[in-house]
């Protein structure tokens, strides 16, 4: 079970009452002490094989982030452009990795205006 997932309207047909029988479009995992190997190896391979189009790993233990996009059935690291990662799955959505580690997170309304 991922920490967070996004399912596009196209894939809602796989949603059943108590489960989702398909590949979400985007999955986010937040690493904990006991999930290091599972998130970076086991789930990475599982999500890749399932066809999850975008996979983000947020690691508060080392203040690191990893973003991957599925290309030809294999994950490729998404590189920052202008210090931000642009989502492939959700056009217009971008993340600045430093946002995760700021003492005061940016205000949501300000972020939405930037992405507008």
PDB file of N, CA and C in Angstrom:
ATOM      1  N   UNK A   1       0.846  -1.176   0.000  1.00  0.00           N
ATOM      2  CA  UNK A   1       0.000   0.000   0.000  1.00  0.00           C
ATOM      3  C   UNK A   1       0.891   1.238   0.000  1.00  0.00           C
ATOM      4  N   UNK A   2       0.773   2.065  -1.031  1.00  0.00           N
ATOM      5  CA  UNK A   2       1.599   3.277  -1.076  1.00  0.00           C
ATOM      6  C   UNK A   2       1.135   4.314  -0.055  1.00  0.00           C
ATOM      7  N   UNK A   3       2.035   5.247   0.263  1.00  0.00           N
ATOM      8  CA  UNK A   3       1.675   6.339   1.175  1.00  0.00           C
ATOM      9  C   UNK A   3       0.690   7.292   0.521  1.00  0.00           C
ATOM     10  N   UNK A   4       0.868   7.511  -0.779  1.00  0.00           N
ATOM     11  CA  UNK A   4      -0.014   8.403  -1.521  1.00  0.00           C
ATOM     12  C   UNK A   4      -0.048   7.933  -2.966  1.00  0.00           C
ATOM     13  N   UNK A   5      -1.221   8.000  -3.586  1.00  0.00           N
ATOM     14  CA  UNK A   5      -1.299   7.649  -5.008  1.00  0.00           C
ATOM     15  C   UNK A   5      -2.321   8.528  -5.695  1.00  0.00           C
ATOM     16  N   UNK A   6      -2.115   8.715  -6.987  1.00  0.00           N
ATOM     17  CA  UNK A   6      -3.033   9.473  -7.827  1.00  0.00           C
ATOM     18  C   UNK A   6      -3.509   8.550  -8.934  1.00  0.00           C
ATOM     19  N   UNK A   7      -4.815   8.572  -9.168  1.00  0.00           N
ATOM     20  CA  UNK A   7      -5.422   7.766 -10.227  1.00  0.00           C
ATOM     21  C   UNK A   7      -6.154   8.728 -11.161  1.00  0.00           C
ATOM     22  N   UNK A   8      -5.771   8.717 -12.423  1.00  0.00           N
ATOM     23  CA  UNK A   8      -6.407   9.609 -13.399  1.00  0.00           C
ATOM     24  C   UNK A   8      -7.810   9.113 -13.738  1.00  0.00           C
ATOM     25  N   UNK A   9      -8.589   9.995 -14.317  1.00  0.00           N
ATOM     26  CA  UNK A   9      -9.943   9.620 -14.742  1.00  0.00           C
ATOM     27  C   UNK A   9      -9.918   8.428 -15.686  1.00  0.00           C
ATOM     28  N   UNK A  10      -8.892   8.343 -16.520  1.00  0.00           N
ATOM     29  CA  UNK A  10      -8.769   7.239 -17.471  1.00  0.00           C
ATOM     30  C   UNK A  10      -8.692   5.895 -16.761  1.00  0.00           C
ATOM     31  N   UNK A  11      -8.044   5.871 -15.592  1.00  0.00           N
ATOM     32  CA  UNK A  11      -7.855   4.609 -14.872  1.00  0.00           C
ATOM     33  C   UNK A  11      -8.885   4.343 -13.780  1.00  0.00           C
ATOM     34  N   UNK A  12      -9.861   5.215 -13.632  1.00  0.00           N
ATOM     35  CA  UNK A  12     -10.883   4.999 -12.606  1.00  0.00           C
ATOM     36  C   UNK A  12     -11.693   3.727 -12.838  1.00  0.00           C
ATOM     37  N   UNK A  13     -11.691   3.227 -14.053  1.00  0.00           N
ATOM     38  CA  UNK A  13     -12.436   1.989 -14.334  1.00  0.00           C
ATOM     39  C   UNK A  13     -11.898   0.805 -13.518  1.00  0.00           C
ATOM     40  N   UNK A  14     -10.657   0.907 -13.030  1.00  0.00           N
ATOM     41  CA  UNK A  14     -10.052  -0.156 -12.223  1.00  0.00           C
ATOM     42  C   UNK A  14     -10.395  -0.042 -10.743  1.00  0.00           C
ATOM     43  N   UNK A  15     -11.083   1.025 -10.371  1.00  0.00           N
ATOM     44  CA  UNK A  15     -11.419   1.256  -8.969  1.00  0.00           C
ATOM     45  C   UNK A  15     -12.677   0.488  -8.598  1.00  0.00           C
ATOM     46  N   UNK A  16     -12.545  -0.353  -7.594  1.00  0.00           N
ATOM     47  CA  UNK A  16     -13.682  -1.101  -7.073  1.00  0.00           C
ATOM     48  C   UNK A  16     -14.009  -0.557  -5.702  1.00  0.00           C
ATOM     49  N   UNK A  17     -15.030  -1.077  -5.086  1.00  0.00           N
ATOM     50  CA  UNK A  17     -15.486  -0.531  -3.801  1.00  0.00           C
ATOM     51  C   UNK A  17     -14.386  -0.504  -2.744  1.00  0.00           C
ATOM     52  N   UNK A  18     -13.638  -1.555  -2.576  1.00  0.00           N
ATOM     53  CA  UNK A  18     -12.642  -1.637  -1.517  1.00  0.00           C
ATOM     54  C   UNK A  18     -11.207  -1.801  -2.018  1.00  0.00           C
ATOM     55  N   UNK A  19     -10.995  -1.726  -3.345  1.00  0.00           N
ATOM     56  CA  UNK A  19      -9.641  -1.903  -3.853  1.00  0.00           C
ATOM     57  C   UNK A  19      -9.494  -1.284  -5.233  1.00  0.00           C
ATOM     58  N   UNK A  20      -8.256  -1.132  -5.629  1.00  0.00           N
ATOM     59  CA  UNK A  20      -7.932  -0.634  -6.959  1.00  0.00           C
ATOM     60  C   UNK A  20      -7.191  -1.746  -7.671  1.00  0.00           C
ATOM     61  N   UNK A  21      -7.744  -2.241  -8.744  1.00  0.00           N
ATOM     62  CA  UNK A  21      -7.154  -3.367  -9.467  1.00  0.00           C
ATOM     63  C   UNK A  21      -6.503  -2.865 -10.753  1.00  0.00           C
ATOM     64  N   UNK A  22      -5.351  -2.249 -10.600  1.00  0.00           N
ATOM     65  CA  UNK A  22      -4.633  -1.701 -11.742  1.00  0.00           C
ATOM     66  C   UNK A  22      -3.437  -0.916 -11.259  1.00  0.00           C
ATOM     67  N   UNK A  23      -2.827  -0.180 -12.145  1.00  0.00           N
ATOM     68  CA  UNK A  23      -1.644   0.624 -11.804  1.00  0.00           C
ATOM     69  C   UNK A  23      -2.065   2.086 -11.639  1.00  0.00           C
ATOM     70  N   UNK A  24      -1.840   2.655 -10.455  1.00  0.00           N
ATOM     71  CA  UNK A  24      -2.067   4.091 -10.309  1.00  0.00           C
ATOM     72  C   UNK A  24      -1.138   4.853 -11.258  1.00  0.00           C
ATOM     73  N   UNK A  25      -1.470   6.082 -11.539  1.00  0.00           N
ATOM     74  CA  UNK A  25      -0.641   6.884 -12.434  1.00  0.00           C
ATOM     75  C   UNK A  25       0.589   7.440 -11.711  1.00  0.00           C
ATOM     76  N   UNK A  26       0.442   7.746 -10.427  1.00  0.00           N
ATOM     77  CA  UNK A  26       1.519   8.334  -9.638  1.00  0.00           C
ATOM     78  C   UNK A  26       1.477   7.748  -8.240  1.00  0.00           C
ATOM     79  N   UNK A  27       2.656   7.367  -7.736  1.00  0.00           N
ATOM     80  CA  UNK A  27       2.765   6.864  -6.364  1.00  0.00           C
ATOM     81  C   UNK A  27       3.864   7.643  -5.659  1.00  0.00           C
ATOM     82  N   UNK A  28       3.598   8.003  -4.403  1.00  0.00           N
ATOM     83  CA  UNK A  28       4.578   8.667  -3.554  1.00  0.00           C
ATOM     84  C   UNK A  28       4.799   7.799  -2.322  1.00  0.00           C
ATOM     85  N   UNK A  29       6.058   7.503  -2.040  1.00  0.00           N
ATOM     86  CA  UNK A  29       6.418   6.764  -0.826  1.00  0.00           C
ATOM     87  C   UNK A  29       7.285   7.671   0.044  1.00  0.00           C
ATOM     88  N   UNK A  30       6.979   7.700   1.341  1.00  0.00           N
ATOM     89  CA  UNK A  30       7.791   8.421   2.316  1.00  0.00           C
ATOM     90  C   UNK A  30       8.574   7.367   3.084  1.00  0.00           C
ATOM     91  N   UNK A  31       9.891   7.444   2.972  1.00  0.00           N
ATOM     92  CA  UNK A  31      10.775   6.431   3.552  1.00  0.00           C
ATOM     93  C   UNK A  31      10.822   6.563   5.074  1.00  0.00           C
ATOM     94  N   UNK A  32      10.782   5.422   5.739  1.00  0.00           N
ATOM     95  CA  UNK A  32      10.983   5.373   7.190  1.00  0.00           C
ATOM     96  C   UNK A  32      12.151   4.431   7.459  1.00  0.00           C
ATOM     97  N   UNK A  33      12.573   4.347   8.711  1.00  0.00           N
ATOM     98  CA  UNK A  33      13.708   3.471   9.057  1.00  0.00           C
ATOM     99  C   UNK A  33      13.513   2.045   8.559  1.00  0.00           C
ATOM    100  N   UNK A  34      12.301   1.536   8.711  1.00  0.00           N
ATOM    101  CA  UNK A  34      12.076   0.132   8.355  1.00  0.00           C
ATOM    102  C   UNK A  34      11.626  -0.077   6.909  1.00  0.00           C
ATOM    103  N   UNK A  35      11.554   0.994   6.112  1.00  0.00           N
ATOM    104  CA  UNK A  35      11.097   0.808   4.727  1.00  0.00           C
ATOM    105  C   UNK A  35      12.164   1.155   3.689  1.00  0.00           C
ATOM    106  N   UNK A  36      13.403   1.379   4.095  1.00  0.00           N
ATOM    107  CA  UNK A  36      14.473   1.763   3.168  1.00  0.00           C
ATOM    108  C   UNK A  36      14.576   0.796   1.983  1.00  0.00           C
ATOM    109  N   UNK A  37      14.807  -0.462   2.280  1.00  0.00           N
ATOM    110  CA  UNK A  37      14.975  -1.465   1.222  1.00  0.00           C
ATOM    111  C   UNK A  37      13.676  -1.677   0.462  1.00  0.00           C
ATOM    112  N   UNK A  38      12.581  -1.747   1.176  1.00  0.00           N
ATOM    113  CA  UNK A  38      11.292  -2.020   0.542  1.00  0.00           C
ATOM    114  C   UNK A  38      10.925  -0.910  -0.460  1.00  0.00           C
ATOM    115  N   UNK A  39      11.092   0.358  -0.071  1.00  0.00           N
ATOM    116  CA  UNK A  39      10.707   1.463  -0.959  1.00  0.00           C
ATOM    117  C   UNK A  39      11.643   1.615  -2.148  1.00  0.00           C
ATOM    118  N   UNK A  40      12.937   1.413  -1.929  1.00  0.00           N
ATOM    119  CA  UNK A  40      13.926   1.666  -2.984  1.00  0.00           C
ATOM    120  C   UNK A  40      14.169   0.462  -3.892  1.00  0.00           C
ATOM    121  N   UNK A  41      13.876  -0.712  -3.433  1.00  0.00           N
ATOM    122  CA  UNK A  41      14.149  -1.899  -4.261  1.00  0.00           C
ATOM    123  C   UNK A  41      12.869  -2.652  -4.595  1.00  0.00           C
ATOM    124  N   UNK A  42      12.221  -3.185  -3.555  1.00  0.00           N
ATOM    125  CA  UNK A  42      11.060  -4.043  -3.794  1.00  0.00           C
ATOM    126  C   UNK A  42       9.910  -3.281  -4.451  1.00  0.00           C
ATOM    127  N   UNK A  43       9.498  -2.173  -3.842  1.00  0.00           N
ATOM    128  CA  UNK A  43       8.383  -1.417  -4.406  1.00  0.00           C
ATOM    129  C   UNK A  43       8.771  -0.765  -5.729  1.00  0.00           C
ATOM    130  N   UNK A  44      10.015  -0.308  -5.837  1.00  0.00           N
ATOM    131  CA  UNK A  44      10.503   0.276  -7.080  1.00  0.00           C
ATOM    132  C   UNK A  44      10.268  -0.706  -8.234  1.00  0.00           C
ATOM    133  N   UNK A  45      10.720  -1.938  -8.066  1.00  0.00           N
ATOM    134  CA  UNK A  45      10.559  -2.948  -9.115  1.00  0.00           C
ATOM    135  C   UNK A  45       9.095  -3.322  -9.324  1.00  0.00           C
ATOM    136  N   UNK A  46       8.361  -3.449  -8.232  1.00  0.00           N
ATOM    137  CA  UNK A  46       6.938  -3.797  -8.330  1.00  0.00           C
ATOM    138  C   UNK A  46       6.160  -2.725  -9.094  1.00  0.00           C
ATOM    139  N   UNK A  47       6.363  -1.463  -8.734  1.00  0.00           N
ATOM    140  CA  UNK A  47       5.642  -0.377  -9.400  1.00  0.00           C
ATOM    141  C   UNK A  47       6.056  -0.257 -10.865  1.00  0.00           C
ATOM    142  N   UNK A  48       7.320  -0.468 -11.127  1.00  0.00           N
ATOM    143  CA  UNK A  48       7.816  -0.430 -12.506  1.00  0.00           C
ATOM    144  C   UNK A  48       7.137  -1.515 -13.340  1.00  0.00           C
ATOM    145  N   UNK A  49       7.074  -2.735 -12.808  1.00  0.00           N
ATOM    146  CA  UNK A  49       6.448  -3.853 -13.527  1.00  0.00           C
ATOM    147  C   UNK A  49       4.950  -3.652 -13.700  1.00  0.00           C
ATOM    148  N   UNK A  50       4.314  -3.020 -12.711  1.00  0.00           N
ATOM    149  CA  UNK A  50       2.873  -2.755 -12.784  1.00  0.00           C
ATOM    150  C   UNK A  50       2.528  -1.694 -13.823  1.00  0.00           C
ATOM    151  N   UNK A  51       3.510  -0.834 -14.135  1.00  0.00           N
ATOM    152  CA  UNK A  51       3.257   0.235 -15.092  1.00  0.00           C
ATOM    153  C   UNK A  51       2.875   1.555 -14.459  1.00  0.00           C
ATOM    154  N   UNK A  52       3.262   1.779 -13.199  1.00  0.00           N
ATOM    155  CA  UNK A  52       3.019   3.066 -12.548  1.00  0.00           C
ATOM    156  C   UNK A  52       3.872   4.101 -13.280  1.00  0.00           C
ATOM    157  N   UNK A  53       3.236   5.112 -13.830  1.00  0.00           N
ATOM    158  CA  UNK A  53       3.920   6.049 -14.727  1.00  0.00           C
ATOM    159  C   UNK A  53       4.901   6.976 -14.021  1.00  0.00           C
ATOM    160  N   UNK A  54       4.671   7.268 -12.749  1.00  0.00           N
ATOM    161  CA  UNK A  54       5.564   8.167 -12.029  1.00  0.00           C
ATOM    162  C   UNK A  54       5.679   7.680 -10.585  1.00  0.00           C
ATOM    163  N   UNK A  55       6.911   7.671 -10.060  1.00  0.00           N
ATOM    164  CA  UNK A  55       7.176   7.185  -8.703  1.00  0.00           C
ATOM    165  C   UNK A  55       8.092   8.183  -8.003  1.00  0.00           C
ATOM    166  N   UNK A  56       7.626   8.698  -6.868  1.00  0.00           N
ATOM    167  CA  UNK A  56       8.412   9.639  -6.074  1.00  0.00           C
ATOM    168  C   UNK A  56       8.783   8.975  -4.761  1.00  0.00           C
ATOM    169  N   UNK A  57      10.023   9.134  -4.355  1.00  0.00           N
ATOM    170  CA  UNK A  57      10.488   8.644  -3.051  1.00  0.00           C
ATOM    171  C   UNK A  57      10.952   9.858  -2.258  1.00  0.00           C
ATOM    172  N   UNK A  58      10.313  10.096  -1.125  1.00  0.00           N
ATOM    173  CA  UNK A  58      10.654  11.208  -0.240  1.00  0.00           C
ATOM    174  C   UNK A  58      11.325  10.601   0.988  1.00  0.00           C
ATOM    175  N   UNK A  59      12.560  11.011   1.262  1.00  0.00           N
ATOM    176  CA  UNK A  59      13.329  10.416   2.360  1.00  0.00           C
ATOM    177  C   UNK A  59      13.704  11.462   3.403  1.00  0.00           C
ATOM    178  N   UNK A  60      12.877  11.628   4.434  1.00  0.00           N
ATOM    179  CA  UNK A  60      13.183  12.608   5.478  1.00  0.00           C
ATOM    180  C   UNK A  60      14.413  12.234   6.314  1.00  0.00           C
ATOM    181  N   UNK A  61      14.823  10.969   6.282  1.00  0.00           N
ATOM    182  CA  UNK A  61      15.974  10.527   7.070  1.00  0.00           C
ATOM    183  C   UNK A  61      17.271  11.166   6.567  1.00  0.00           C
ATOM    184  N   UNK A  62      17.377  11.360   5.263  1.00  0.00           N
ATOM    185  CA  UNK A  62      18.577  11.978   4.679  1.00  0.00           C
ATOM    186  C   UNK A  62      18.240  13.281   3.945  1.00  0.00           C
ATOM    187  N   UNK A  63      16.995  13.728   4.095  1.00  0.00           N
ATOM    188  CA  UNK A  63      16.509  14.920   3.402  1.00  0.00           C
ATOM    189  C   UNK A  63      16.776  14.814   1.899  1.00  0.00           C
ATOM    190  N   UNK A  64      16.332  13.699   1.348  1.00  0.00           N
ATOM    191  CA  UNK A  64      16.516  13.452  -0.074  1.00  0.00           C
ATOM    192  C   UNK A  64      15.211  13.123  -0.764  1.00  0.00           C
ATOM    193  N   UNK A  65      15.190  13.360  -2.063  1.00  0.00           N
ATOM    194  CA  UNK A  65      14.024  13.020  -2.882  1.00  0.00           C
ATOM    195  C   UNK A  65      14.503  12.370  -4.176  1.00  0.00           C
ATOM    196  N   UNK A  66      13.707  11.454  -4.670  1.00  0.00           N
ATOM    197  CA  UNK A  66      13.987  10.805  -5.946  1.00  0.00           C
ATOM    198  C   UNK A  66      12.676  10.780  -6.728  1.00  0.00           C
ATOM    199  N   UNK A  67      12.762  11.140  -7.990  1.00  0.00           N
ATOM    200  CA  UNK A  67      11.583  11.175  -8.848  1.00  0.00           C
ATOM    201  C   UNK A  67      11.886  10.339 -10.087  1.00  0.00           C
ATOM    202  N   UNK A  68      10.964   9.445 -10.428  1.00  0.00           N
ATOM    203  CA  UNK A  68      11.155   8.561 -11.577  1.00  0.00           C
ATOM    204  C   UNK A  68       9.938   8.606 -12.486  1.00  0.00           C
ATOM    205  N   UNK A  69      10.191   8.492 -13.779  1.00  0.00           N
ATOM    206  CA  UNK A  69       9.145   8.434 -14.786  1.00  0.00           C
ATOM    207  C   UNK A  69       9.353   7.161 -15.596  1.00  0.00           C
ATOM    208  N   UNK A  70       8.259   6.496 -15.935  1.00  0.00           N
ATOM    209  CA  UNK A  70       8.331   5.244 -16.687  1.00  0.00           C
ATOM    210  C   UNK A  70       8.519   5.530 -18.174  1.00  0.00           C
ATOM    211  N   UNK A  71       9.610   5.022 -18.713  1.00  0.00           N
ATOM    212  CA  UNK A  71       9.925   5.163 -20.141  1.00  0.00           C
ATOM    213  C   UNK A  71      10.256   3.775 -20.676  1.00  0.00           C
ATOM    214  N   UNK A  72       9.499   3.307 -21.645  1.00  0.00           N
ATOM    215  CA  UNK A  72       9.743   1.985 -22.242  1.00  0.00           C
ATOM    216  C   UNK A  72       9.858   0.887 -21.191  1.00  0.00           C
ATOM    217  N   UNK A  73       8.927   0.895 -20.242  1.00  0.00           N
ATOM    218  CA  UNK A  73       8.813  -0.132 -19.199  1.00  0.00           C
ATOM    219  C   UNK A  73       9.930  -0.109 -18.165  1.00  0.00           C
ATOM    220  N   UNK A  74      10.705   0.980 -18.082  1.00  0.00           N
ATOM    221  CA  UNK A  74      11.767   1.096 -17.073  1.00  0.00           C
ATOM    222  C   UNK A  74      11.761   2.510 -16.509  1.00  0.00           C
ATOM    223  N   UNK A  75      12.035   2.624 -15.217  1.00  0.00           N
ATOM    224  CA  UNK A  75      12.090   3.937 -14.593  1.00  0.00           C
ATOM    225  C   UNK A  75      13.366   4.677 -14.962  1.00  0.00           C
ATOM    226  N   UNK A  76      13.177   5.951 -15.252  1.00  0.00           N
ATOM    227  CA  UNK A  76      14.277   6.862 -15.548  1.00  0.00           C
ATOM    228  C   UNK A  76      14.170   8.010 -14.550  1.00  0.00           C
ATOM    229  N   UNK A  77      15.315   8.390 -13.961  1.00  0.00           N
ATOM    230  CA  UNK A  77      15.307   9.494 -13.006  1.00  0.00           C
ATOM    231  C   UNK A  77      14.872  10.784 -13.697  1.00  0.00           C
ATOM    232  N   UNK A  78      13.997  11.518 -13.034  1.00  0.00           N
ATOM    233  CA  UNK A  78      13.541  12.807 -13.547  1.00  0.00           C
ATOM    234  C   UNK A  78      14.491  13.870 -13.007  1.00  0.00           C
ATOM    235  N   UNK A  79      15.100  14.604 -13.895  1.00  0.00           N
ATOM    236  CA  UNK A  79      16.075  15.621 -13.510  1.00  0.00           C
ATOM    237  C   UNK A  79      15.398  16.979 -13.339  1.00  0.00           C
ATOM    238  N   UNK A  80      15.882  17.767 -12.381  1.00  0.00           N
ATOM    239  CA  UNK A  80      15.304  19.109 -12.189  1.00  0.00           C
ATOM    240  C   UNK A  80      15.569  20.018 -13.388  1.00  0.00           C
ATOM    241  N   UNK A  81      14.603  20.868 -13.673  1.00  0.00           N
ATOM    242  CA  UNK A  81      14.727  21.928 -14.655  1.00  0.00           C
ATOM    243  C   UNK A  81      14.395  23.212 -13.909  1.00  0.00           C
ATOM    244  N   UNK A  82      15.319  24.159 -13.895  1.00  0.00           N
ATOM    245  CA  UNK A  82      15.140  25.387 -13.117  1.00  0.00           C
ATOM    246  C   UNK A  82      14.839  25.084 -11.652  1.00  0.00           C
ATOM    247  N   UNK A  83      15.559  24.119 -11.087  1.00  0.00           N
ATOM    248  CA  UNK A  83      15.452  23.724  -9.676  1.00  0.00           C
ATOM    249  C   UNK A  83      14.083  23.152  -9.312  1.00  0.00           C
ATOM    250  N   UNK A  84      13.387  22.609 -10.293  1.00  0.00           N
ATOM    251  CA  UNK A  84      12.096  21.993  -9.993  1.00  0.00           C
ATOM    252  C   UNK A  84      11.916  20.732 -10.829  1.00  0.00           C
ATOM    253  N   UNK A  85      11.119  19.812 -10.291  1.00  0.00           N
ATOM    254  CA  UNK A  85      10.761  18.583 -10.993  1.00  0.00           C
ATOM    255  C   UNK A  85       9.348  18.775 -11.538  1.00  0.00           C
ATOM    256  N   UNK A  86       9.205  18.612 -12.837  1.00  0.00           N
ATOM    257  CA  UNK A  86       7.901  18.757 -13.485  1.00  0.00           C
ATOM    258  C   UNK A  86       7.255  17.386 -13.641  1.00  0.00           C
ATOM    259  N   UNK A  87       6.052  17.250 -13.132  1.00  0.00           N
ATOM    260  CA  UNK A  87       5.338  15.986 -13.251  1.00  0.00           C
ATOM    261  C   UNK A  87       4.980  15.708 -14.699  1.00  0.00           C
ATOM    262  N   UNK A  88       5.156  14.457 -15.101  1.00  0.00           N
ATOM    263  CA  UNK A  88       4.752  14.007 -16.428  1.00  0.00           C
ATOM    264  C   UNK A  88       3.268  13.648 -16.396  1.00  0.00           C
ATOM    265  N   UNK A  89       2.839  13.067 -15.305  1.00  0.00           N
ATOM    266  CA  UNK A  89       1.463  12.592 -15.148  1.00  0.00           C
ATOM    267  C   UNK A  89       0.477  13.749 -14.988  1.00  0.00           C
ATOM    268  N   UNK A  90       0.873  14.764 -14.246  1.00  0.00           N
ATOM    269  CA  UNK A  90      -0.001  15.904 -13.985  1.00  0.00           C
ATOM    270  C   UNK A  90       0.626  17.173 -14.551  1.00  0.00           C
ATOM    271  N   UNK A  91       0.394  17.462 -15.831  1.00  0.00           N
ATOM    272  CA  UNK A  91       0.986  18.651 -16.446  1.00  0.00           C
ATOM    273  C   UNK A  91       0.645  19.908 -15.645  1.00  0.00           C
ATOM    274  N   UNK A  92       1.668  20.725 -15.428  1.00  0.00           N
ATOM    275  CA  UNK A  92       1.494  21.945 -14.643  1.00  0.00           C
ATOM    276  C   UNK A  92       1.922  21.784 -13.197  1.00  0.00           C
ATOM    277  N   UNK A  93       1.922  20.538 -12.700  1.00  0.00           N
ATOM    278  CA  UNK A  93       2.367  20.288 -11.328  1.00  0.00           C
ATOM    279  C   UNK A  93       3.885  20.192 -11.315  1.00  0.00           C
ATOM    280  N   UNK A  94       4.497  20.921 -10.404  1.00  0.00           N
ATOM    281  CA  UNK A  94       5.929  20.802 -10.218  1.00  0.00           C
ATOM    282  C   UNK A  94       6.253  20.841  -8.736  1.00  0.00           C
ATOM    283  N   UNK A  95       7.396  20.287  -8.400  1.00  0.00           N
ATOM    284  CA  UNK A  95       7.869  20.227  -7.020  1.00  0.00           C
ATOM    285  C   UNK A  95       9.283  20.797  -6.990  1.00  0.00           C
ATOM    286  N   UNK A  96       9.539  21.629  -6.036  1.00  0.00           N
ATOM    287  CA  UNK A  96      10.902  22.073  -5.761  1.00  0.00           C
ATOM    288  C   UNK A  96      11.368  21.245  -4.561  1.00  0.00           C
ATOM    289  N   UNK A  97      12.358  20.386  -4.749  1.00  0.00           N
ATOM    290  CA  UNK A  97      12.764  19.492  -3.656  1.00  0.00           C
ATOM    291  C   UNK A  97      13.036  20.191  -2.328  1.00  0.00           C
ATOM    292  N   UNK A  98      13.534  21.418  -2.355  1.00  0.00           N
ATOM    293  CA  UNK A  98      13.824  22.112  -1.082  1.00  0.00           C
ATOM    294  C   UNK A  98      12.568  22.409  -0.268  1.00  0.00           C
ATOM    295  N   UNK A  99      11.399  22.398  -0.906  1.00  0.00           N
ATOM    296  CA  UNK A  99      10.159  22.638  -0.159  1.00  0.00           C
ATOM    297  C   UNK A  99       9.984  21.641   0.977  1.00  0.00           C
ATOM    298  N   UNK A 100      10.430  20.409   0.770  1.00  0.00           N
ATOM    299  CA  UNK A 100      10.234  19.374   1.784  1.00  0.00           C
ATOM    300  C   UNK A 100      11.011  19.646   3.058  1.00  0.00           C
ATOM    301  N   UNK A 101      12.080  20.413   2.988  1.00  0.00           N
ATOM    302  CA  UNK A 101      12.976  20.557   4.141  1.00  0.00           C
ATOM    303  C   UNK A 101      12.981  21.963   4.725  1.00  0.00           C
ATOM    304  N   UNK A 102      12.115  22.838   4.238  1.00  0.00           N
ATOM    305  CA  UNK A 102      12.033  24.186   4.794  1.00  0.00           C
ATOM    306  C   UNK A 102      11.395  24.140   6.172  1.00  0.00           C
ATOM    307  N   UNK A 103      11.856  25.035   7.055  1.00  0.00           N
ATOM    308  CA  UNK A 103      11.250  25.105   8.387  1.00  0.00           C
ATOM    309  C   UNK A 103       9.791  25.517   8.292  1.00  0.00           C
ATOM    310  N   UNK A 104       9.506  26.438   7.398  1.00  0.00           N
ATOM    311  CA  UNK A 104       8.124  26.855   7.161  1.00  0.00           C
ATOM    312  C   UNK A 104       7.781  26.494   5.720  1.00  0.00           C
ATOM    313  N   UNK A 105       6.906  25.517   5.548  1.00  0.00           N
ATOM    314  CA  UNK A 105       6.550  25.130   4.172  1.00  0.00           C
ATOM    315  C   UNK A 105       5.869  26.279   3.439  1.00  0.00           C
ATOM    316  N   UNK A 106       5.981  26.308   2.121  1.00  0.00           N
ATOM    317  CA  UNK A 106       5.309  27.365   1.355  1.00  0.00           C
ATOM    318  C   UNK A 106       3.798  27.255   1.506  1.00  0.00           C
ATOM    319  N   UNK A 107       3.141  28.365   1.374  1.00  0.00           N
ATOM    320  CA  UNK A 107       1.676  28.395   1.479  1.00  0.00           C
ATOM    321  C   UNK A 107       1.064  27.778   0.216  1.00  0.00           C
ATOM    322  N   UNK A 108       0.076  26.943   0.413  1.00  0.00           N
ATOM    323  CA  UNK A 108      -0.551  26.209  -0.682  1.00  0.00           C
ATOM    324  C   UNK A 108      -1.100  27.151  -1.743  1.00  0.00           C
ATOM    325  N   UNK A 109      -1.767  28.207  -1.335  1.00  0.00           N
ATOM    326  CA  UNK A 109      -2.357  29.134  -2.309  1.00  0.00           C
ATOM    327  C   UNK A 109      -1.286  29.757  -3.198  1.00  0.00           C
ATOM    328  N   UNK A 110      -0.148  30.105  -2.605  1.00  0.00           N
ATOM    329  CA  UNK A 110       0.963  30.666  -3.393  1.00  0.00           C
ATOM    330  C   UNK A 110       1.505  29.661  -4.384  1.00  0.00           C
ATOM    331  N   UNK A 111       1.593  28.396  -3.968  1.00  0.00           N
ATOM    332  CA  UNK A 111       2.077  27.343  -4.867  1.00  0.00           C
ATOM    333  C   UNK A 111       1.113  27.146  -6.038  1.00  0.00           C
ATOM    334  N   UNK A 112      -0.156  27.116  -5.741  1.00  0.00           N
ATOM    335  CA  UNK A 112      -1.152  26.930  -6.800  1.00  0.00           C
ATOM    336  C   UNK A 112      -1.113  28.063  -7.806  1.00  0.00           C
ATOM    337  N   UNK A 113      -0.882  29.277  -7.337  1.00  0.00           N
ATOM    338  CA  UNK A 113      -0.768  30.403  -8.260  1.00  0.00           C
ATOM    339  C   UNK A 113       0.438  30.242  -9.178  1.00  0.00           C
ATOM    340  N   UNK A 114       1.552  29.744  -8.645  1.00  0.00           N
ATOM    341  CA  UNK A 114       2.754  29.521  -9.449  1.00  0.00           C
ATOM    342  C   UNK A 114       2.493  28.471 -10.532  1.00  0.00           C
ATOM    343  N   UNK A 115       1.706  27.465 -10.192  1.00  0.00           N
ATOM    344  CA  UNK A 115       1.453  26.373 -11.118  1.00  0.00           C
ATOM    345  C   UNK A 115       0.350  26.707 -12.117  1.00  0.00           C
ATOM    346  N   UNK A 116      -0.442  27.746 -11.788  1.00  0.00           N
ATOM    347  CA  UNK A 116      -1.599  28.168 -12.542  1.00  0.00           C
ATOM    348  C   UNK A 116      -1.449  28.138 -13.976  1.00  0.00           C
TER     349      UNK A 116
END
